[in-house]
mmCIF file of all heavy atoms, coordinates in Angstrom:
data_MODEL
# 
_entry.id   MODEL 
# 
loop_
_atom_site.group_PDB 
_atom_site.id 
_atom_site.type_symbol 
_atom_site.label_atom_id 
_atom_site.label_alt_id 
_atom_site.label_comp_id 
_atom_site.label_asym_id 
_atom_site.label_entity_id 
_atom_site.label_seq_id 
_atom_site.pdbx_PDB_ins_code 
_atom_site.Cartn_x 
_atom_site.Cartn_y 
_atom_site.Cartn_z 
_atom_site.occupancy 
_atom_site.B_iso_or_equiv 
_atom_site.pdbx_formal_charge 
_atom_site.auth_seq_id 
_atom_site.auth_comp_id 
_atom_site.auth_asym_id 
_atom_site.auth_atom_id 
_atom_site.pdbx_PDB_model_num 
ATOM 1   N N   . PRO A 1 1  ? 57.232 -88.318 34.203 1.00 0.00 ? 1  PRO A N   1 
ATOM 2   C CA  . PRO A 1 1  ? 56.110 -88.744 33.358 1.00 0.00 ? 1  PRO A CA  1 
ATOM 3   C C   . PRO A 1 1  ? 55.487 -87.551 32.633 1.00 0.00 ? 1  PRO A C   1 
ATOM 4   O O   . PRO A 1 1  ? 55.620 -86.406 33.072 1.00 0.00 ? 1  PRO A O   1 
ATOM 5   C CB  . PRO A 1 1  ? 55.122 -89.326 34.375 1.00 0.00 ? 1  PRO A CB  1 
ATOM 6   C CG  . PRO A 1 1  ? 55.374 -88.525 35.617 1.00 0.00 ? 1  PRO A CG  1 
ATOM 7   C CD  . PRO A 1 1  ? 56.867 -88.272 35.630 1.00 0.00 ? 1  PRO A CD  1 
ATOM 8   N N   . HIS A 1 2  ? 54.835 -87.818 31.531 1.00 0.00 ? 2  HIS A N   1 
ATOM 9   C CA  . HIS A 1 2  ? 54.080 -86.763 30.851 1.00 0.00 ? 2  HIS A CA  1 
ATOM 10  C C   . HIS A 1 2  ? 53.117 -87.422 29.864 1.00 0.00 ? 2  HIS A C   1 
ATOM 11  O O   . HIS A 1 2  ? 52.897 -88.626 29.908 1.00 0.00 ? 2  HIS A O   1 
ATOM 12  C CB  . HIS A 1 2  ? 54.997 -85.767 30.153 1.00 0.00 ? 2  HIS A CB  1 
ATOM 13  C CG  . HIS A 1 2  ? 54.505 -84.349 30.279 1.00 0.00 ? 2  HIS A CG  1 
ATOM 14  N ND1 . HIS A 1 2  ? 53.208 -83.985 30.015 1.00 0.00 ? 2  HIS A ND1 1 
ATOM 15  C CD2 . HIS A 1 2  ? 55.142 -83.209 30.640 1.00 0.00 ? 2  HIS A CD2 1 
ATOM 16  C CE1 . HIS A 1 2  ? 53.058 -82.691 30.214 1.00 0.00 ? 2  HIS A CE1 1 
ATOM 17  N NE2 . HIS A 1 2  ? 54.212 -82.196 30.600 1.00 0.00 ? 2  HIS A NE2 1 
ATOM 18  N N   . GLY A 1 3  ? 52.563 -86.602 28.974 1.00 0.00 ? 3  GLY A N   1 
ATOM 19  C CA  . GLY A 1 3  ? 51.608 -87.115 28.007 1.00 0.00 ? 3  GLY A CA  1 
ATOM 20  C C   . GLY A 1 3  ? 50.621 -86.036 27.620 1.00 0.00 ? 3  GLY A C   1 
ATOM 21  O O   . GLY A 1 3  ? 50.844 -84.851 27.845 1.00 0.00 ? 3  GLY A O   1 
ATOM 22  N N   . GLY A 1 4  ? 49.525 -86.477 27.033 1.00 0.00 ? 4  GLY A N   1 
ATOM 23  C CA  . GLY A 1 4  ? 48.508 -85.519 26.640 1.00 0.00 ? 4  GLY A CA  1 
ATOM 24  C C   . GLY A 1 4  ? 47.641 -86.036 25.511 1.00 0.00 ? 4  GLY A C   1 
ATOM 25  O O   . GLY A 1 4  ? 47.731 -87.209 25.130 1.00 0.00 ? 4  GLY A O   1 
ATOM 26  N N   . LEU A 1 5  ? 46.811 -85.142 24.974 1.00 0.00 ? 5  LEU A N   1 
ATOM 27  C CA  . LEU A 1 5  ? 45.855 -85.526 23.944 1.00 0.00 ? 5  LEU A CA  1 
ATOM 28  C C   . LEU A 1 5  ? 45.756 -84.448 22.883 1.00 0.00 ? 5  LEU A C   1 
ATOM 29  O O   . LEU A 1 5  ? 45.833 -83.253 23.188 1.00 0.00 ? 5  LEU A O   1 
ATOM 30  C CB  . LEU A 1 5  ? 44.456 -85.732 24.527 1.00 0.00 ? 5  LEU A CB  1 
ATOM 31  C CG  . LEU A 1 5  ? 44.265 -86.643 25.730 1.00 0.00 ? 5  LEU A CG  1 
ATOM 32  C CD1 . LEU A 1 5  ? 44.237 -85.816 27.008 1.00 0.00 ? 5  LEU A CD1 1 
ATOM 33  C CD2 . LEU A 1 5  ? 42.969 -87.413 25.599 1.00 0.00 ? 5  LEU A CD2 1 
ATOM 34  N N   . VAL A 1 6  ? 45.578 -84.879 21.645 1.00 0.00 ? 6  VAL A N   1 
ATOM 35  C CA  . VAL A 1 6  ? 45.182 -83.995 20.556 1.00 0.00 ? 6  VAL A CA  1 
ATOM 36  C C   . VAL A 1 6  ? 43.818 -84.480 20.084 1.00 0.00 ? 6  VAL A C   1 
ATOM 37  O O   . VAL A 1 6  ? 43.652 -85.652 19.744 1.00 0.00 ? 6  VAL A O   1 
ATOM 38  C CB  . VAL A 1 6  ? 46.174 -84.035 19.386 1.00 0.00 ? 6  VAL A CB  1 
ATOM 39  C CG1 . VAL A 1 6  ? 45.630 -83.263 18.186 1.00 0.00 ? 6  VAL A CG1 1 
ATOM 40  C CG2 . VAL A 1 6  ? 47.514 -83.447 19.807 1.00 0.00 ? 6  VAL A CG2 1 
ATOM 41  N N   . ILE A 1 7  ? 42.846 -83.581 20.091 1.00 0.00 ? 7  ILE A N   1 
ATOM 42  C CA  . ILE A 1 7  ? 41.482 -83.945 19.706 1.00 0.00 ? 7  ILE A CA  1 
ATOM 43  C C   . ILE A 1 7  ? 40.999 -82.988 18.621 1.00 0.00 ? 7  ILE A C   1 
ATOM 44  O O   . ILE A 1 7  ? 41.193 -81.774 18.716 1.00 0.00 ? 7  ILE A O   1 
ATOM 45  C CB  . ILE A 1 7  ? 40.527 -83.878 20.921 1.00 0.00 ? 7  ILE A CB  1 
ATOM 46  C CG1 . ILE A 1 7  ? 41.007 -84.814 22.037 1.00 0.00 ? 7  ILE A CG1 1 
ATOM 47  C CG2 . ILE A 1 7  ? 39.098 -84.246 20.504 1.00 0.00 ? 7  ILE A CG2 1 
ATOM 48  C CD1 . ILE A 1 7  ? 40.204 -84.691 23.320 1.00 0.00 ? 7  ILE A CD1 1 
ATOM 49  N N   . ARG A 1 8  ? 40.388 -83.549 17.589 1.00 0.00 ? 8  ARG A N   1 
ATOM 50  C CA  . ARG A 1 8  ? 39.742 -82.749 16.551 1.00 0.00 ? 8  ARG A CA  1 
ATOM 51  C C   . ARG A 1 8  ? 38.272 -83.113 16.532 1.00 0.00 ? 8  ARG A C   1 
ATOM 52  O O   . ARG A 1 8  ? 37.908 -84.284 16.392 1.00 0.00 ? 8  ARG A O   1 
ATOM 53  C CB  . ARG A 1 8  ? 40.350 -83.029 15.174 1.00 0.00 ? 8  ARG A CB  1 
ATOM 54  C CG  . ARG A 1 8  ? 39.686 -82.281 14.003 1.00 0.00 ? 8  ARG A CG  1 
ATOM 55  C CD  . ARG A 1 8  ? 40.166 -80.878 13.897 1.00 0.00 ? 8  ARG A CD  1 
ATOM 56  N NE  . ARG A 1 8  ? 39.661 -80.191 12.684 1.00 0.00 ? 8  ARG A NE  1 
ATOM 57  C CZ  . ARG A 1 8  ? 39.915 -78.926 12.399 1.00 0.00 ? 8  ARG A CZ  1 
ATOM 58  N NH1 . ARG A 1 8  ? 40.664 -78.191 13.219 1.00 0.00 ? 8  ARG A NH1 1 
ATOM 59  N NH2 . ARG A 1 8  ? 39.434 -78.360 11.304 1.00 0.00 ? 8  ARG A NH2 1 
ATOM 60  N N   . SER A 1 9  ? 37.434 -82.132 16.722 1.00 0.00 ? 9  SER A N   1 
ATOM 61  C CA  . SER A 1 9  ? 35.989 -82.322 16.670 1.00 0.00 ? 9  SER A CA  1 
ATOM 62  C C   . SER A 1 9  ? 35.489 -81.661 15.397 1.00 0.00 ? 9  SER A C   1 
ATOM 63  O O   . SER A 1 9  ? 35.698 -80.459 15.199 1.00 0.00 ? 9  SER A O   1 
ATOM 64  C CB  . SER A 1 9  ? 35.332 -81.686 17.902 1.00 0.00 ? 9  SER A CB  1 
ATOM 65  O OG  . SER A 1 9  ? 33.931 -81.748 17.815 1.00 0.00 ? 9  SER A OG  1 
ATOM 66  N N   . GLY A 1 10 ? 34.873 -82.456 14.503 1.00 0.00 ? 10 GLY A N   1 
ATOM 67  C CA  . GLY A 1 10 ? 34.455 -81.894 13.225 1.00 0.00 ? 10 GLY A CA  1 
ATOM 68  C C   . GLY A 1 10 ? 33.129 -82.432 12.731 1.00 0.00 ? 10 GLY A C   1 
ATOM 69  O O   . GLY A 1 10 ? 32.579 -83.392 13.291 1.00 0.00 ? 10 GLY A O   1 
ATOM 70  N N   . LYS A 1 11 ? 32.631 -81.803 11.684 1.00 0.00 ? 11 LYS A N   1 
ATOM 71  C CA  . LYS A 1 11 ? 31.323 -82.169 11.137 1.00 0.00 ? 11 LYS A CA  1 
ATOM 72  C C   . LYS A 1 11 ? 31.432 -82.460 9.642  1.00 0.00 ? 11 LYS A C   1 
ATOM 73  O O   . LYS A 1 11 ? 32.240 -81.850 8.936  1.00 0.00 ? 11 LYS A O   1 
ATOM 74  C CB  . LYS A 1 11 ? 30.321 -81.028 11.361 1.00 0.00 ? 11 LYS A CB  1 
ATOM 75  C CG  . LYS A 1 11 ? 30.004 -80.737 12.827 1.00 0.00 ? 11 LYS A CG  1 
ATOM 76  C CD  . LYS A 1 11 ? 29.040 -79.584 12.957 1.00 0.00 ? 11 LYS A CD  1 
ATOM 77  C CE  . LYS A 1 11 ? 28.719 -79.280 14.419 1.00 0.00 ? 11 LYS A CE  1 
ATOM 78  N NZ  . LYS A 1 11 ? 27.947 -80.365 15.046 1.00 0.00 ? 11 LYS A NZ  1 
ATOM 79  N N   . THR A 1 12 ? 30.592 -83.402 9.163  1.00 0.00 ? 12 THR A N   1 
ATOM 80  C CA  . THR A 1 12 ? 30.493 -83.679 7.733  1.00 0.00 ? 12 THR A CA  1 
ATOM 81  C C   . THR A 1 12 ? 29.021 -83.769 7.345  1.00 0.00 ? 12 THR A C   1 
ATOM 82  O O   . THR A 1 12 ? 28.136 -83.785 8.197  1.00 0.00 ? 12 THR A O   1 
ATOM 83  C CB  . THR A 1 12 ? 31.188 -85.004 7.363  1.00 0.00 ? 12 THR A CB  1 
ATOM 84  O OG1 . THR A 1 12 ? 30.513 -86.085 8.035  1.00 0.00 ? 12 THR A OG1 1 
ATOM 85  C CG2 . THR A 1 12 ? 32.660 -84.999 7.744  1.00 0.00 ? 12 THR A CG2 1 
ATOM 86  N N   . GLY A 1 13 ? 28.784 -83.883 6.047  1.00 0.00 ? 13 GLY A N   1 
ATOM 87  C CA  . GLY A 1 13 ? 27.415 -83.987 5.546  1.00 0.00 ? 13 GLY A CA  1 
ATOM 88  C C   . GLY A 1 13 ? 26.989 -82.717 4.847  1.00 0.00 ? 13 GLY A C   1 
ATOM 89  O O   . GLY A 1 13 ? 27.587 -81.645 5.047  1.00 0.00 ? 13 GLY A O   1 
ATOM 90  N N   . LEU A 1 14 ? 25.912 -82.842 4.037  1.00 0.00 ? 14 LEU A N   1 
ATOM 91  C CA  . LEU A 1 14 ? 25.429 -81.692 3.261  1.00 0.00 ? 14 LEU A CA  1 
ATOM 92  C C   . LEU A 1 14 ? 25.085 -80.522 4.165  1.00 0.00 ? 14 LEU A C   1 
ATOM 93  O O   . LEU A 1 14 ? 25.350 -79.363 3.848  1.00 0.00 ? 14 LEU A O   1 
ATOM 94  C CB  . LEU A 1 14 ? 24.212 -82.115 2.426  1.00 0.00 ? 14 LEU A CB  1 
ATOM 95  C CG  . LEU A 1 14 ? 23.693 -81.087 1.423  1.00 0.00 ? 14 LEU A CG  1 
ATOM 96  C CD1 . LEU A 1 14 ? 24.779 -80.758 0.395  1.00 0.00 ? 14 LEU A CD1 1 
ATOM 97  C CD2 . LEU A 1 14 ? 22.427 -81.603 0.748  1.00 0.00 ? 14 LEU A CD2 1 
ATOM 98  N N   . ASN A 1 15 ? 24.492 -80.824 5.312  1.00 0.00 ? 15 ASN A N   1 
ATOM 99  C CA  . ASN A 1 15 ? 24.106 -79.784 6.268  1.00 0.00 ? 15 ASN A CA  1 
ATOM 100 C C   . ASN A 1 15 ? 24.906 -79.884 7.564  1.00 0.00 ? 15 ASN A C   1 
ATOM 101 O O   . ASN A 1 15 ? 24.456 -79.437 8.619  1.00 0.00 ? 15 ASN A O   1 
ATOM 102 C CB  . ASN A 1 15 ? 22.601 -79.889 6.566  1.00 0.00 ? 15 ASN A CB  1 
ATOM 103 C CG  . ASN A 1 15 ? 21.762 -79.708 5.311  1.00 0.00 ? 15 ASN A CG  1 
ATOM 104 O OD1 . ASN A 1 15 ? 21.875 -78.683 4.645  1.00 0.00 ? 15 ASN A OD1 1 
ATOM 105 N ND2 . ASN A 1 15 ? 20.947 -80.705 4.980  1.00 0.00 ? 15 ASN A ND2 1 
ATOM 106 N N   . LEU A 1 16 ? 26.094 -80.509 7.464  1.00 0.00 ? 16 LEU A N   1 
ATOM 107 C CA  . LEU A 1 16 ? 26.977 -80.681 8.628  1.00 0.00 ? 16 LEU A CA  1 
ATOM 108 C C   . LEU A 1 16 ? 26.232 -81.360 9.782  1.00 0.00 ? 16 LEU A C   1 
ATOM 109 O O   . LEU A 1 16 ? 26.316 -80.946 10.936 1.00 0.00 ? 16 LEU A O   1 
ATOM 110 C CB  . LEU A 1 16 ? 27.543 -79.324 9.073  1.00 0.00 ? 16 LEU A CB  1 
ATOM 111 C CG  . LEU A 1 16 ? 28.335 -78.551 8.011  1.00 0.00 ? 16 LEU A CG  1 
ATOM 112 C CD1 . LEU A 1 16 ? 28.801 -77.214 8.558  1.00 0.00 ? 16 LEU A CD1 1 
ATOM 113 C CD2 . LEU A 1 16 ? 29.516 -79.368 7.510  1.00 0.00 ? 16 LEU A CD2 1 
ATOM 114 N N   . GLU A 1 17 ? 25.510 -82.424 9.427  1.00 0.00 ? 17 GLU A N   1 
ATOM 115 C CA  . GLU A 1 17 ? 24.644 -83.071 10.420 1.00 0.00 ? 17 GLU A CA  1 
ATOM 116 C C   . GLU A 1 17 ? 25.333 -84.188 11.194 1.00 0.00 ? 17 GLU A C   1 
ATOM 117 O O   . GLU A 1 17 ? 24.783 -84.695 12.175 1.00 0.00 ? 17 GLU A O   1 
ATOM 118 C CB  . GLU A 1 17 ? 23.375 -83.619 9.743  1.00 0.00 ? 17 GLU A CB  1 
ATOM 119 C CG  . GLU A 1 17 ? 23.614 -84.731 8.719  1.00 0.00 ? 17 GLU A CG  1 
ATOM 120 C CD  . GLU A 1 17 ? 23.829 -84.231 7.305  1.00 0.00 ? 17 GLU A CD  1 
ATOM 121 O OE1 . GLU A 1 17 ? 24.273 -83.065 7.152  1.00 0.00 ? 17 GLU A OE1 1 
ATOM 122 O OE2 . GLU A 1 17 ? 23.569 -84.999 6.359  1.00 0.00 ? 17 GLU A OE2 1 
ATOM 123 N N   . HIS A 1 18 ? 26.537 -84.576 10.775 1.00 0.00 ? 18 HIS A N   1 
ATOM 124 C CA  . HIS A 1 18 ? 27.208 -85.691 11.443 1.00 0.00 ? 18 HIS A CA  1 
ATOM 125 C C   . HIS A 1 18 ? 28.480 -85.226 12.150 1.00 0.00 ? 18 HIS A C   1 
ATOM 126 O O   . HIS A 1 18 ? 29.319 -84.530 11.569 1.00 0.00 ? 18 HIS A O   1 
ATOM 127 C CB  . HIS A 1 18 ? 27.551 -86.789 10.430 1.00 0.00 ? 18 HIS A CB  1 
ATOM 128 C CG  . HIS A 1 18 ? 26.344 -87.414 9.819  1.00 0.00 ? 18 HIS A CG  1 
ATOM 129 N ND1 . HIS A 1 18 ? 26.164 -87.529 8.456  1.00 0.00 ? 18 HIS A ND1 1 
ATOM 130 C CD2 . HIS A 1 18 ? 25.228 -87.947 10.391 1.00 0.00 ? 18 HIS A CD2 1 
ATOM 131 C CE1 . HIS A 1 18 ? 24.998 -88.108 8.214  1.00 0.00 ? 18 HIS A CE1 1 
ATOM 132 N NE2 . HIS A 1 18 ? 24.408 -88.358 9.370  1.00 0.00 ? 18 HIS A NE2 1 
ATOM 133 N N   . ASN A 1 19 ? 28.612 -85.644 13.410 1.00 0.00 ? 19 ASN A N   1 
ATOM 134 C CA  . ASN A 1 19 ? 29.769 -85.266 14.221 1.00 0.00 ? 19 ASN A CA  1 
ATOM 135 C C   . ASN A 1 19 ? 30.820 -86.368 14.202 1.00 0.00 ? 19 ASN A C   1 
ATOM 136 O O   . ASN A 1 19 ? 30.502 -87.561 14.175 1.00 0.00 ? 19 ASN A O   1 
ATOM 137 C CB  . ASN A 1 19 ? 29.340 -85.022 15.674 1.00 0.00 ? 19 ASN A CB  1 
ATOM 138 C CG  . ASN A 1 19 ? 28.426 -83.818 15.804 1.00 0.00 ? 19 ASN A CG  1 
ATOM 139 O OD1 . ASN A 1 19 ? 28.670 -82.783 15.202 1.00 0.00 ? 19 ASN A OD1 1 
ATOM 140 N ND2 . ASN A 1 19 ? 27.374 -83.959 16.597 1.00 0.00 ? 19 ASN A ND2 1 
ATOM 141 N N   . HIS A 1 20 ? 32.092 -85.972 14.257 1.00 0.00 ? 20 HIS A N   1 
ATOM 142 C CA  . HIS A 1 20 ? 33.207 -86.922 14.298 1.00 0.00 ? 20 HIS A CA  1 
ATOM 143 C C   . HIS A 1 20 ? 34.262 -86.431 15.283 1.00 0.00 ? 20 HIS A C   1 
ATOM 144 O O   . HIS A 1 20 ? 34.510 -85.218 15.383 1.00 0.00 ? 20 HIS A O   1 
ATOM 145 C CB  . HIS A 1 20 ? 33.850 -87.076 12.915 1.00 0.00 ? 20 HIS A CB  1 
ATOM 146 C CG  . HIS A 1 20 ? 32.879 -87.395 11.835 1.00 0.00 ? 20 HIS A CG  1 
ATOM 147 N ND1 . HIS A 1 20 ? 32.438 -88.669 11.564 1.00 0.00 ? 20 HIS A ND1 1 
ATOM 148 C CD2 . HIS A 1 20 ? 32.235 -86.589 10.947 1.00 0.00 ? 20 HIS A CD2 1 
ATOM 149 C CE1 . HIS A 1 20 ? 31.580 -88.645 10.564 1.00 0.00 ? 20 HIS A CE1 1 
ATOM 150 N NE2 . HIS A 1 20 ? 31.433 -87.390 10.173 1.00 0.00 ? 20 HIS A NE2 1 
ATOM 151 N N   . ILE A 1 21 ? 34.873 -87.356 15.978 1.00 0.00 ? 21 ILE A N   1 
ATOM 152 C CA  . ILE A 1 21 ? 35.940 -87.031 16.923 1.00 0.00 ? 21 ILE A CA  1 
ATOM 153 C C   . ILE A 1 21 ? 37.177 -87.850 16.565 1.00 0.00 ? 21 ILE A C   1 
ATOM 154 O O   . ILE A 1 21 ? 37.111 -89.069 16.427 1.00 0.00 ? 21 ILE A O   1 
ATOM 155 C CB  . ILE A 1 21 ? 35.540 -87.355 18.383 1.00 0.00 ? 21 ILE A CB  1 
ATOM 156 C CG1 . ILE A 1 21 ? 34.256 -86.625 18.780 1.00 0.00 ? 21 ILE A CG1 1 
ATOM 157 C CG2 . ILE A 1 21 ? 36.690 -87.012 19.337 1.00 0.00 ? 21 ILE A CG2 1 
ATOM 158 C CD1 . ILE A 1 21 ? 34.394 -85.135 18.913 1.00 0.00 ? 21 ILE A CD1 1 
ATOM 159 N N   . ILE A 1 22 ? 38.310 -87.175 16.387 1.00 0.00 ? 22 ILE A N   1 
ATOM 160 C CA  . ILE A 1 22 ? 39.598 -87.841 16.207 1.00 0.00 ? 22 ILE A CA  1 
ATOM 161 C C   . ILE A 1 22 ? 40.426 -87.551 17.464 1.00 0.00 ? 22 ILE A C   1 
ATOM 162 O O   . ILE A 1 22 ? 40.555 -86.388 17.867 1.00 0.00 ? 22 ILE A O   1 
ATOM 163 C CB  . ILE A 1 22 ? 40.344 -87.320 14.968 1.00 0.00 ? 22 ILE A CB  1 
ATOM 164 C CG1 . ILE A 1 22 ? 39.528 -87.542 13.702 1.00 0.00 ? 22 ILE A CG1 1 
ATOM 165 C CG2 . ILE A 1 22 ? 41.714 -87.985 14.839 1.00 0.00 ? 22 ILE A CG2 1 
ATOM 166 C CD1 . ILE A 1 22 ? 40.126 -86.898 12.462 1.00 0.00 ? 22 ILE A CD1 1 
ATOM 167 N N   . GLU A 1 23 ? 40.968 -88.595 18.079 1.00 0.00 ? 23 GLU A N   1 
ATOM 168 C CA  . GLU A 1 23 ? 41.729 -88.392 19.313 1.00 0.00 ? 23 GLU A CA  1 
ATOM 169 C C   . GLU A 1 23 ? 43.037 -89.179 19.277 1.00 0.00 ? 23 GLU A C   1 
ATOM 170 O O   . GLU A 1 23 ? 43.071 -90.351 18.906 1.00 0.00 ? 23 GLU A O   1 
ATOM 171 C CB  . GLU A 1 23 ? 40.903 -88.826 20.533 1.00 0.00 ? 23 GLU A CB  1 
ATOM 172 C CG  . GLU A 1 23 ? 41.631 -88.642 21.856 1.00 0.00 ? 23 GLU A CG  1 
ATOM 173 C CD  . GLU A 1 23 ? 40.741 -88.932 23.064 1.00 0.00 ? 23 GLU A CD  1 
ATOM 174 O OE1 . GLU A 1 23 ? 39.524 -88.637 23.008 1.00 0.00 ? 23 GLU A OE1 1 
ATOM 175 O OE2 . GLU A 1 23 ? 41.264 -89.464 24.062 1.00 0.00 ? 23 GLU A OE2 1 
ATOM 176 N N   . TYR A 1 24 ? 44.115 -88.502 19.647 1.00 0.00 ? 24 TYR A N   1 
ATOM 177 C CA  . TYR A 1 24 ? 45.437 -89.129 19.773 1.00 0.00 ? 24 TYR A CA  1 
ATOM 178 C C   . TYR A 1 24 ? 45.899 -88.893 21.200 1.00 0.00 ? 24 TYR A C   1 
ATOM 179 O O   . TYR A 1 24 ? 45.920 -87.752 21.673 1.00 0.00 ? 24 TYR A O   1 
ATOM 180 C CB  . TYR A 1 24 ? 46.410 -88.493 18.781 1.00 0.00 ? 24 TYR A CB  1 
ATOM 181 C CG  . TYR A 1 24 ? 47.819 -89.039 18.828 1.00 0.00 ? 24 TYR A CG  1 
ATOM 182 C CD1 . TYR A 1 24 ? 48.111 -90.312 18.339 1.00 0.00 ? 24 TYR A CD1 1 
ATOM 183 C CD2 . TYR A 1 24 ? 48.870 -88.272 19.327 1.00 0.00 ? 24 TYR A CD2 1 
ATOM 184 C CE1 . TYR A 1 24 ? 49.404 -90.798 18.359 1.00 0.00 ? 24 TYR A CE1 1 
ATOM 185 C CE2 . TYR A 1 24 ? 50.170 -88.750 19.348 1.00 0.00 ? 24 TYR A CE2 1 
ATOM 186 C CZ  . TYR A 1 24 ? 50.432 -90.014 18.862 1.00 0.00 ? 24 TYR A CZ  1 
ATOM 187 O OH  . TYR A 1 24 ? 51.716 -90.499 18.881 1.00 0.00 ? 24 TYR A OH  1 
ATOM 188 N N   . HIS A 1 25 ? 46.259 -89.969 21.897 1.00 0.00 ? 25 HIS A N   1 
ATOM 189 C CA  . HIS A 1 25 ? 46.501 -89.888 23.336 1.00 0.00 ? 25 HIS A CA  1 
ATOM 190 C C   . HIS A 1 25 ? 47.854 -90.511 23.673 1.00 0.00 ? 25 HIS A C   1 
ATOM 191 O O   . HIS A 1 25 ? 48.153 -91.631 23.240 1.00 0.00 ? 25 HIS A O   1 
ATOM 192 C CB  . HIS A 1 25 ? 45.379 -90.631 24.077 1.00 0.00 ? 25 HIS A CB  1 
ATOM 193 C CG  . HIS A 1 25 ? 45.436 -90.501 25.566 1.00 0.00 ? 25 HIS A CG  1 
ATOM 194 N ND1 . HIS A 1 25 ? 44.596 -91.210 26.407 1.00 0.00 ? 25 HIS A ND1 1 
ATOM 195 C CD2 . HIS A 1 25 ? 46.226 -89.764 26.395 1.00 0.00 ? 25 HIS A CD2 1 
ATOM 196 C CE1 . HIS A 1 25 ? 44.871 -90.905 27.666 1.00 0.00 ? 25 HIS A CE1 1 
ATOM 197 N NE2 . HIS A 1 25 ? 45.854 -90.029 27.684 1.00 0.00 ? 25 HIS A NE2 1 
# 
């Protein structure tokens, strides 16, 4: 067995005020 995750944590907005998470599992 195996597996894992790729996660990107990023920000958007004029002042980078909003957080977003992209996850592939």
